[in-house]
């Protein structure tokens, strides 16, 4: 008789650290981080991940759990199995690139915030899928934040193009705009006040926030 192997995924770790960007910036979170190609990875089953998260939360207080890393939603079967077992007592946030709108509904019972992180250079097909993801979240009643990560030399129109796409998908989504790394090293000028003014004419909840500098350091 054959048995179904347990679902598993390659994770880069389960550290506790400060969130560096987005809607919950500065919050102390436990990260469930999916490994990228160049990262050292360890295979976790849903059972193993649940045990490790429970141990971490017993030892240390966090604001929330953050599911992040490379294409987390590609591991939807693993995530659903893990989150069902976990039954988290703290909020759960999913940080995604917004390219898998069809998967979001599967995680709706377990997640309190969907954060879609997008680069200012995002191309139109990817932006269309992000807008679709925002629409799905809106229909499901999920809190949604779109975080725009500025690249050096990004123009106001680069930011506003994304704002307009989000606004067309849902008026309830929050938008967090991050200046580029070069601009974060100097005082913000009047440009940002004017840009937020233009953005809020399109979407009610918009803010500009400086990212935290330095690596996310596990504690």
Foldseek 3Di string as FASTA:
>chain_A
DDDDDFQKAWWLDFFWFAAFDDDRGRWTETEGEGDDPPGDTDIDGLVRVLVVVVVVVVVDPTQEYEYYYDASLVSLVRVLSNQVVNVDPHAYEYEEQQQCLVSVVSCLVRHQEYEHEEELPDDDVSLLSNLSNLLSCVVSVHAYEYEYAYAPPRDLVSVLVSLQSNLVSDLRYAYEYEYHPVCLVDDDDCVQVVSQVVSCVRHVHYDYDYTDDDDTDGD
